[in-house]
Amino acid sequence: MPTPTLTENPTDRGPVFTYSTDSGPAIAHLPVLPELAELPEANRHFAATIARAFDRFQPAAATEELRRIAGPAMLGAIKRAIAAGQASRRAHAEADARAREIPPSLDMSQEAERRARYRGLSLADQMAAAQRADLADLAAIVARGNLCDWAPEAFDLASERYAALAWAERVGLASNHPRQPSLEGGLTVTGPDAAAVETAALAALAHHRQRADDLETVEAALRNQICLVAAALEMTPDDVLAATMAA
């Protein structure tokens, strides 16, 4: 019977740990994300303990030794990673909710009138309006739901621009992007560069959405890590999770 081992394969997307036994491998890929930062080193210590335990004891006794010595430290690391993931998910949800709020500096006194202008448009006109509308009009169109009864693709485009421009308004992004003198646009121009503001805001929105993808990656990595530890400790994943949350 081959001796169980926990090995590490470094990759440019984070280390991959493989626990190998005659029953097959258990694999955990740990991408380089802040919520998972503690786990690679915890796995390295776990691997060293596995090697020592199976060098000194028969398999059944080695597993008991792992549960006694390495289990608590590993479970603690997983618990902290879960807590970090929960905190990040809460922060992301709060930021997502704020992105849909109407900025307090925005004058919405003519909201109903603004919305009325965008009802009954053809799809082509909806798409054009979604691309050119200013923030106040976008807020009237999307902030309280699809009250203009737009097609999904037009409403989604308007929603994306609204979320980006509302964030830019909320944080005062325009002050970072003043218009620059040019022979084509004018040498004495003032005010913000609207195109540059929108480009920067859309980039920030893309980063926000990438964080949502990252949090799903964290979820998958934690599940795989729990399964790896379960294989090493000869426990079920549910039992490892229960022990983790009780640690």
C-alpha atoms as a PDB file:
ATOM      1  CA  MET A   1       0.000   0.000   0.000  1.00  0.00           C
ATOM      2  CA  PRO A   2       1.588   3.314  -1.064  1.00  0.00           C
ATOM      3  CA  THR A   3       2.255   5.861   1.651  1.00  0.00           C
ATOM      4  CA  PRO A   4      -0.154   8.813   1.487  1.00  0.00           C
ATOM      5  CA  THR A   5       1.493  12.078   0.456  1.00  0.00           C
ATOM      6  CA  LEU A   6       0.490  15.712   0.139  1.00  0.00           C
ATOM      7  CA  THR A   7       2.405  17.378  -2.687  1.00  0.00           C
ATOM      8  CA  GLU A   8       2.474  20.917  -4.060  1.00  0.00           C
ATOM      9  CA  ASN A   9       2.633  21.959  -7.706  1.00  0.00           C
ATOM     10  CA  PRO A  10       3.281  25.714  -8.108  1.00  0.00           C
ATOM     11  CA  THR A  11       1.452  27.390 -10.996  1.00  0.00           C
ATOM     12  CA  ASP A  12       1.112  30.979 -12.167  1.00  0.00           C
ATOM     13  CA  ARG A  13      -2.478  30.895 -10.887  1.00  0.00           C
ATOM     14  CA  GLY A  14      -1.596  29.682  -7.409  1.00  0.00           C
ATOM     15  CA  PRO A  15      -0.392  26.376  -5.953  1.00  0.00           C
ATOM     16  CA  VAL A  16      -2.170  23.077  -6.526  1.00  0.00           C
ATOM     17  CA  PHE A  17      -2.055  20.612  -3.620  1.00  0.00           C
ATOM     18  CA  THR A  18      -2.689  16.904  -4.202  1.00  0.00           C
ATOM     19  CA  TYR A  19      -3.290  14.344  -1.461  1.00  0.00           C
ATOM     20  CA  SER A  20      -2.538  10.945  -2.974  1.00  0.00           C
ATOM     21  CA  THR A  21      -3.567   7.540  -1.634  1.00  0.00           C
ATOM     22  CA  ASP A  22      -4.442   4.213  -3.184  1.00  0.00           C
ATOM     23  CA  SER A  23      -8.058   5.445  -3.178  1.00  0.00           C
ATOM     24  CA  GLY A  24      -7.184   8.223  -5.607  1.00  0.00           C
ATOM     25  CA  PRO A  25      -6.193  11.873  -5.354  1.00  0.00           C
ATOM     26  CA  ALA A  26      -7.901  14.773  -3.606  1.00  0.00           C
ATOM     27  CA  ILE A  27      -6.921  18.077  -5.211  1.00  0.00           C
ATOM     28  CA  ALA A  28      -7.179  21.668  -3.997  1.00  0.00           C
ATOM     29  CA  HIS A  29      -6.159  24.570  -6.220  1.00  0.00           C
ATOM     30  CA  LEU A  30      -5.598  27.723  -4.145  1.00  0.00           C
ATOM     31  CA  PRO A  31      -5.609  30.810  -6.384  1.00  0.00           C
ATOM     32  CA  VAL A  32      -3.739  33.896  -5.212  1.00  0.00           C
ATOM     33  CA  LEU A  33      -6.632  35.675  -3.497  1.00  0.00           C
ATOM     34  CA  PRO A  34      -6.544  37.432  -0.121  1.00  0.00           C
ATOM     35  CA  GLU A  35      -9.194  35.211   1.433  1.00  0.00           C
ATOM     36  CA  LEU A  36      -7.077  32.111   0.733  1.00  0.00           C
ATOM     37  CA  ALA A  37      -3.690  33.596   1.648  1.00  0.00           C
ATOM     38  CA  GLU A  38      -3.172  31.506   4.794  1.00  0.00           C
ATOM     39  CA  LEU A  39      -4.005  28.120   3.299  1.00  0.00           C
ATOM     40  CA  PRO A  40      -0.903  27.363   1.178  1.00  0.00           C
ATOM     41  CA  GLU A  41       1.429  27.602   4.178  1.00  0.00           C
ATOM     42  CA  ALA A  42      -1.047  25.621   6.288  1.00  0.00           C
ATOM     43  CA  ASN A  43      -0.981  22.894   3.638  1.00  0.00           C
ATOM     44  CA  ARG A  44       2.825  22.867   3.637  1.00  0.00           C
ATOM     45  CA  HIS A  45       2.882  22.296   7.387  1.00  0.00           C
ATOM     46  CA  PHE A  46       0.149  19.679   6.947  1.00  0.00           C
ATOM     47  CA  ALA A  47       2.251  17.903   4.294  1.00  0.00           C
ATOM     48  CA  ALA A  48       5.274  17.778   6.598  1.00  0.00           C
ATOM     49  CA  THR A  49       3.157  16.369   9.419  1.00  0.00           C
ATOM     50  CA  ILE A  50       1.681  13.734   7.096  1.00  0.00           C
ATOM     51  CA  ALA A  51       5.175  12.628   6.066  1.00  0.00           C
ATOM     52  CA  ARG A  52       6.359  12.361   9.683  1.00  0.00           C
ATOM     53  CA  ALA A  53       3.226  10.558  10.857  1.00  0.00           C
ATOM     54  CA  PHE A  54       3.357   7.866   8.174  1.00  0.00           C
ATOM     55  CA  ASP A  55       7.095   7.483   8.677  1.00  0.00           C
ATOM     56  CA  ARG A  56       6.635   6.784  12.400  1.00  0.00           C
ATOM     57  CA  PHE A  57       3.298   4.952  12.606  1.00  0.00           C
ATOM     58  CA  GLN A  58       1.195   2.345  10.894  1.00  0.00           C
ATOM     59  CA  PRO A  59      -1.593   3.854   8.727  1.00  0.00           C
ATOM     60  CA  ALA A  60      -4.402   3.753  11.308  1.00  0.00           C
ATOM     61  CA  ALA A  61      -2.213   5.236  14.024  1.00  0.00           C
ATOM     62  CA  ALA A  62      -0.780   7.789  11.583  1.00  0.00           C
ATOM     63  CA  THR A  63      -4.272   9.037  10.781  1.00  0.00           C
ATOM     64  CA  GLU A  64      -5.059   9.388  14.478  1.00  0.00           C
ATOM     65  CA  GLU A  65      -1.805  11.323  14.910  1.00  0.00           C
ATOM     66  CA  LEU A  66      -2.799  13.646  12.058  1.00  0.00           C
ATOM     67  CA  ARG A  67      -6.182  14.296  13.627  1.00  0.00           C
ATOM     68  CA  ARG A  68      -4.564  15.041  16.965  1.00  0.00           C
ATOM     69  CA  ILE A  69      -1.595  17.165  15.880  1.00  0.00           C
ATOM     70  CA  ALA A  70      -2.325  18.688  12.469  1.00  0.00           C
ATOM     71  CA  GLY A  71      -6.104  18.700  12.455  1.00  0.00           C
ATOM     72  CA  PRO A  72      -6.727  21.643  14.808  1.00  0.00           C
ATOM     73  CA  ALA A  73      -4.232  23.941  13.050  1.00  0.00           C
ATOM     74  CA  MET A  74      -5.581  23.099   9.605  1.00  0.00           C
ATOM     75  CA  LEU A  75      -9.203  23.467  10.679  1.00  0.00           C
ATOM     76  CA  GLY A  76      -8.381  26.837  12.216  1.00  0.00           C
ATOM     77  CA  ALA A  77      -6.833  28.029   8.947  1.00  0.00           C
ATOM     78  CA  ILE A  78      -9.892  26.901   6.999  1.00  0.00           C
ATOM     79  CA  LYS A  79     -12.211  28.607   9.481  1.00  0.00           C
ATOM     80  CA  ARG A  80     -10.350  31.896   9.108  1.00  0.00           C
ATOM     81  CA  ALA A  81     -10.485  31.595   5.319  1.00  0.00           C
ATOM     82  CA  ILE A  82     -14.246  31.000   5.482  1.00  0.00           C
ATOM     83  CA  ALA A  83     -14.642  34.058   7.729  1.00  0.00           C
ATOM     84  CA  ALA A  84     -12.576  36.155   5.312  1.00  0.00           C
ATOM     85  CA  GLY A  85     -14.723  34.967   2.415  1.00  0.00           C
ATOM     86  CA  GLN A  86     -17.893  35.825   4.305  1.00  0.00           C
ATOM     87  CA  ALA A  87     -16.589  39.317   5.108  1.00  0.00           C
ATOM     88  CA  SER A  88     -15.640  39.909   1.474  1.00  0.00           C
ATOM     89  CA  ARG A  89     -19.014  38.685   0.241  1.00  0.00           C
ATOM     90  CA  ARG A  90     -20.838  40.993   2.668  1.00  0.00           C
ATOM     91  CA  ALA A  91     -18.703  43.953   1.601  1.00  0.00           C
ATOM     92  CA  HIS A  92     -19.304  43.154  -2.061  1.00  0.00           C
ATOM     93  CA  ALA A  93     -23.071  42.885  -1.541  1.00  0.00           C
ATOM     94  CA  GLU A  94     -23.108  46.236   0.261  1.00  0.00           C
ATOM     95  CA  ALA A  95     -21.113  47.855  -2.555  1.00  0.00           C
ATOM     96  CA  ASP A  96     -23.471  46.286  -5.082  1.00  0.00           C
ATOM     97  CA  ALA A  97     -26.483  47.744  -3.287  1.00  0.00           C
ATOM     98  CA  ARG A  98     -24.855  51.185  -3.089  1.00  0.00           C
ATOM     99  CA  ALA A  99     -24.132  51.075  -6.821  1.00  0.00           C
ATOM    100  CA  ARG A 100     -27.869  50.915  -7.492  1.00  0.00           C
ATOM    101  CA  GLU A 101     -28.774  53.827  -5.227  1.00  0.00           C
ATOM    102  CA  ILE A 102     -29.443  57.245  -6.718  1.00  0.00           C
ATOM    103  CA  PRO A 103     -26.557  59.560  -5.715  1.00  0.00           C
ATOM    104  CA  PRO A 104     -27.818  62.189  -3.253  1.00  0.00           C
ATOM    105  CA  SER A 105     -26.260  64.967  -5.340  1.00  0.00           C
ATOM    106  CA  LEU A 106     -28.443  64.082  -8.342  1.00  0.00           C
ATOM    107  CA  ASP A 107     -31.492  66.269  -8.995  1.00  0.00           C
ATOM    108  CA  MET A 108     -34.395  63.868  -9.583  1.00  0.00           C
ATOM    109  CA  SER A 109     -37.203  66.424  -9.247  1.00  0.00           C
ATOM    110  CA  GLN A 110     -38.238  65.732 -12.855  1.00  0.00           C
ATOM    111  CA  GLU A 111     -37.880  61.962 -12.618  1.00  0.00           C
ATOM    112  CA  ALA A 112     -41.372  61.099 -13.854  1.00  0.00           C
ATOM    113  CA  GLU A 113     -41.082  63.480 -16.781  1.00  0.00           C
ATOM    114  CA  ARG A 114     -37.680  62.080 -17.689  1.00  0.00           C
ATOM    115  CA  ARG A 115     -39.008  58.541 -17.573  1.00  0.00           C
ATOM    116  CA  ALA A 116     -42.009  59.424 -19.743  1.00  0.00           C
ATOM    117  CA  ARG A 117     -39.694  60.483 -22.578  1.00  0.00           C
ATOM    118  CA  TYR A 118     -38.234  56.996 -22.776  1.00  0.00           C
ATOM    119  CA  ARG A 119     -41.435  54.957 -22.876  1.00  0.00           C
ATOM    120  CA  GLY A 120     -42.741  53.454 -26.099  1.00  0.00           C
ATOM    121  CA  LEU A 121     -39.405  53.520 -27.943  1.00  0.00           C
ATOM    122  CA  SER A 122     -38.371  50.968 -30.538  1.00  0.00           C
ATOM    123  CA  LEU A 123     -35.531  48.629 -29.629  1.00  0.00           C
ATOM    124  CA  ALA A 124     -33.124  50.619 -31.817  1.00  0.00           C
ATOM    125  CA  ASP A 125     -34.114  53.849 -30.082  1.00  0.00           C
ATOM    126  CA  GLN A 126     -33.826  52.188 -26.665  1.00  0.00           C
ATOM    127  CA  MET A 127     -30.281  51.038 -27.451  1.00  0.00           C
ATOM    128  CA  ALA A 128     -29.325  54.482 -28.728  1.00  0.00           C
ATOM    129  CA  ALA A 129     -30.813  56.146 -25.650  1.00  0.00           C
ATOM    130  CA  ALA A 130     -29.022  53.715 -23.332  1.00  0.00           C
ATOM    131  CA  GLN A 131     -25.714  54.738 -24.929  1.00  0.00           C
ATOM    132  CA  ARG A 132     -26.212  58.511 -24.861  1.00  0.00           C
ATOM    133  CA  ALA A 133     -28.434  59.264 -21.830  1.00  0.00           C
ATOM    134  CA  ASP A 134     -26.956  61.306 -19.002  1.00  0.00           C
ATOM    135  CA  LEU A 135     -26.902  60.112 -15.399  1.00  0.00           C
ATOM    136  CA  ALA A 136     -30.215  61.696 -14.382  1.00  0.00           C
ATOM    137  CA  ASP A 137     -31.993  60.125 -17.345  1.00  0.00           C
ATOM    138  CA  LEU A 138     -30.347  56.760 -16.700  1.00  0.00           C
ATOM    139  CA  ALA A 139     -31.474  56.918 -13.069  1.00  0.00           C
ATOM    140  CA  ALA A 140     -35.044  57.581 -14.200  1.00  0.00           C
ATOM    141  CA  ILE A 141     -34.857  54.655 -16.610  1.00  0.00           C
ATOM    142  CA  VAL A 142     -33.317  51.969 -14.378  1.00  0.00           C
ATOM    143  CA  ALA A 143     -32.914  52.923 -10.699  1.00  0.00           C
ATOM    144  CA  ARG A 144     -36.424  51.887  -9.645  1.00  0.00           C
ATOM    145  CA  GLY A 145     -36.760  48.928 -11.978  1.00  0.00           C
ATOM    146  CA  ASN A 146     -37.745  48.610 -15.613  1.00  0.00           C
ATOM    147  CA  LEU A 147     -40.604  51.110 -15.406  1.00  0.00           C
ATOM    148  CA  CYS A 148     -40.060  52.154 -19.026  1.00  0.00           C
ATOM    149  CA  ASP A 149     -40.710  48.562 -20.162  1.00  0.00           C
ATOM    150  CA  TRP A 150     -37.499  48.339 -22.151  1.00  0.00           C
ATOM    151  CA  ALA A 151     -36.175  45.228 -23.859  1.00  0.00           C
ATOM    152  CA  PRO A 152     -33.743  43.286 -21.631  1.00  0.00           C
ATOM    153  CA  GLU A 153     -30.669  44.055 -23.744  1.00  0.00           C
ATOM    154  CA  ALA A 154     -31.361  47.799 -23.724  1.00  0.00           C
ATOM    155  CA  PHE A 155     -32.200  47.816 -20.017  1.00  0.00           C
ATOM    156  CA  ASP A 156     -28.998  45.901 -19.199  1.00  0.00           C
ATOM    157  CA  LEU A 157     -26.885  48.378 -21.170  1.00  0.00           C
ATOM    158  CA  ALA A 158     -28.564  51.316 -19.443  1.00  0.00           C
ATOM    159  CA  SER A 159     -28.115  49.608 -16.064  1.00  0.00           C
ATOM    160  CA  GLU A 160     -24.391  49.115 -16.661  1.00  0.00           C
ATOM    161  CA  ARG A 161     -23.844  52.750 -17.630  1.00  0.00           C
ATOM    162  CA  TYR A 162     -25.984  53.901 -14.716  1.00  0.00           C
ATOM    163  CA  ALA A 163     -24.040  51.837 -12.171  1.00  0.00           C
ATOM    164  CA  ALA A 164     -20.726  53.173 -13.498  1.00  0.00           C
ATOM    165  CA  LEU A 165     -21.773  56.825 -13.718  1.00  0.00           C
ATOM    166  CA  ALA A 166     -23.579  56.761 -10.365  1.00  0.00           C
ATOM    167  CA  TRP A 167     -20.398  55.484  -8.737  1.00  0.00           C
ATOM    168  CA  ALA A 168     -18.386  58.205 -10.494  1.00  0.00           C
ATOM    169  CA  GLU A 169     -20.805  60.848  -9.209  1.00  0.00           C
ATOM    170  CA  ARG A 170     -20.769  59.432  -5.695  1.00  0.00           C
ATOM    171  CA  VAL A 171     -16.965  59.456  -5.386  1.00  0.00           C
ATOM    172  CA  GLY A 172     -16.378  62.691  -7.314  1.00  0.00           C
ATOM    173  CA  LEU A 173     -14.434  60.992 -10.092  1.00  0.00           C
ATOM    174  CA  ALA A 174     -14.932  63.925 -12.474  1.00  0.00           C
ATOM    175  CA  SER A 175     -12.382  66.000 -10.562  1.00  0.00           C
ATOM    176  CA  ASN A 176      -9.695  63.476 -11.550  1.00  0.00           C
ATOM    177  CA  HIS A 177     -10.406  63.824 -15.274  1.00  0.00           C
ATOM    178  CA  PRO A 178     -10.450  67.490 -16.368  1.00  0.00           C
ATOM    179  CA  ARG A 179     -10.740  68.295 -20.058  1.00  0.00           C
ATOM    180  CA  GLN A 180      -7.368  68.886 -21.674  1.00  0.00           C
ATOM    181  CA  PRO A 181      -6.640  71.713 -24.145  1.00  0.00           C
ATOM    182  CA  SER A 182      -6.488  70.592 -27.759  1.00  0.00           C
ATOM    183  CA  LEU A 183      -6.598  72.218 -31.162  1.00  0.00           C
ATOM    184  CA  GLU A 184      -9.653  70.191 -32.080  1.00  0.00           C
ATOM    185  CA  GLY A 185     -11.651  70.600 -28.880  1.00  0.00           C
ATOM    186  CA  GLY A 186     -10.469  74.011 -27.754  1.00  0.00           C
ATOM    187  CA  LEU A 187      -7.537  75.476 -25.891  1.00  0.00           C
ATOM    188  CA  THR A 188      -9.502  77.106 -23.078  1.00  0.00           C
ATOM    189  CA  VAL A 189     -11.940  74.290 -22.347  1.00  0.00           C
ATOM    190  CA  THR A 190     -12.945  73.629 -18.751  1.00  0.00           C
ATOM    191  CA  GLY A 191     -14.953  71.053 -16.839  1.00  0.00           C
ATOM    192  CA  PRO A 192     -14.644  67.280 -16.714  1.00  0.00           C
ATOM    193  CA  ASP A 193     -13.794  65.030 -19.630  1.00  0.00           C
ATOM    194  CA  ALA A 194     -17.043  63.068 -19.703  1.00  0.00           C
ATOM    195  CA  ALA A 195     -15.652  60.300 -21.909  1.00  0.00           C
ATOM    196  CA  ALA A 196     -12.632  59.798 -19.651  1.00  0.00           C
ATOM    197  CA  VAL A 197     -14.842  59.777 -16.554  1.00  0.00           C
ATOM    198  CA  GLU A 198     -17.105  57.127 -18.064  1.00  0.00           C
ATOM    199  CA  THR A 199     -14.147  54.996 -19.183  1.00  0.00           C
ATOM    200  CA  ALA A 200     -12.657  55.079 -15.684  1.00  0.00           C
ATOM    201  CA  ALA A 201     -16.029  54.345 -14.101  1.00  0.00           C
ATOM    202  CA  LEU A 202     -16.657  51.369 -16.383  1.00  0.00           C
ATOM    203  CA  ALA A 203     -13.194  50.022 -15.506  1.00  0.00           C
ATOM    204  CA  ALA A 204     -14.061  50.288 -11.802  1.00  0.00           C
ATOM    205  CA  LEU A 205     -17.340  48.480 -12.455  1.00  0.00           C
ATOM    206  CA  ALA A 206     -15.466  45.713 -14.282  1.00  0.00           C
ATOM    207  CA  HIS A 207     -13.168  45.342 -11.261  1.00  0.00           C
ATOM    208  CA  HIS A 208     -16.223  45.111  -8.989  1.00  0.00           C
ATOM    209  CA  ARG A 209     -17.637  42.333 -11.149  1.00  0.00           C
ATOM    210  CA  GLN A 210     -14.295  40.536 -11.189  1.00  0.00           C
ATOM    211  CA  ARG A 211     -14.428  40.482  -7.399  1.00  0.00           C
ATOM    212  CA  ALA A 212     -17.766  38.667  -7.662  1.00  0.00           C
ATOM    213  CA  ASP A 213     -16.069  36.043  -9.839  1.00  0.00           C
ATOM    214  CA  ASP A 214     -13.175  35.889  -7.372  1.00  0.00           C
ATOM    215  CA  LEU A 215     -15.563  35.157  -4.516  1.00  0.00           C
ATOM    216  CA  GLU A 216     -17.025  32.224  -6.445  1.00  0.00           C
ATOM    217  CA  THR A 217     -13.456  30.994  -6.941  1.00  0.00           C
ATOM    218  CA  VAL A 218     -12.872  31.275  -3.183  1.00  0.00           C
ATOM    219  CA  GLU A 219     -16.022  29.227  -2.569  1.00  0.00           C
ATOM    220  CA  ALA A 220     -14.856  26.444  -4.897  1.00  0.00           C
ATOM    221  CA  ALA A 221     -11.324  26.439  -3.464  1.00  0.00           C
ATOM    222  CA  LEU A 222     -12.602  26.142   0.106  1.00  0.00           C
ATOM    223  CA  ARG A 223     -14.837  23.217  -0.847  1.00  0.00           C
ATOM    224  CA  ASN A 224     -11.889  21.438  -2.459  1.00  0.00           C
ATOM    225  CA  GLN A 225      -9.666  22.192   0.529  1.00  0.00           C
ATOM    226  CA  ILE A 226     -12.232  20.666   2.879  1.00  0.00           C
ATOM    227  CA  CYS A 227     -12.433  17.555   0.688  1.00  0.00           C
ATOM    228  CA  LEU A 228      -8.632  17.258   0.693  1.00  0.00           C
ATOM    229  CA  VAL A 229      -8.469  17.483   4.483  1.00  0.00           C
ATOM    230  CA  ALA A 230     -11.352  15.021   4.769  1.00  0.00           C
ATOM    231  CA  ALA A 231      -9.401  12.506   2.693  1.00  0.00           C
ATOM    232  CA  ALA A 232      -6.274  12.960   4.810  1.00  0.00           C
ATOM    233  CA  LEU A 233      -8.100  12.660   8.132  1.00  0.00           C
ATOM    234  CA  GLU A 234     -10.421   9.889   6.882  1.00  0.00           C
ATOM    235  CA  MET A 235     -13.510  11.933   7.673  1.00  0.00           C
ATOM    236  CA  THR A 236     -16.452  13.033   5.571  1.00  0.00           C
ATOM    237  CA  PRO A 237     -16.405  16.589   4.188  1.00  0.00           C
ATOM    238  CA  ASP A 238     -19.496  17.366   6.282  1.00  0.00           C
ATOM    239  CA  ASP A 239     -17.705  16.203   9.427  1.00  0.00           C
ATOM    240  CA  VAL A 240     -14.648  18.307   8.552  1.00  0.00           C
ATOM    241  CA  LEU A 241     -16.852  21.362   8.044  1.00  0.00           C
ATOM    242  CA  ALA A 242     -18.610  20.769  11.360  1.00  0.00           C
ATOM    243  CA  ALA A 243     -15.264  20.406  13.133  1.00  0.00           C
ATOM    244  CA  THR A 244     -13.988  23.521  11.359  1.00  0.00           C
ATOM    245  CA  MET A 245     -16.876  25.692  12.494  1.00  0.00           C
ATOM    246  CA  ALA A 246     -16.492  24.337  16.041  1.00  0.00           C
ATOM    247  CA  ALA A 247     -12.736  25.032  16.101  1.00  0.00           C
END
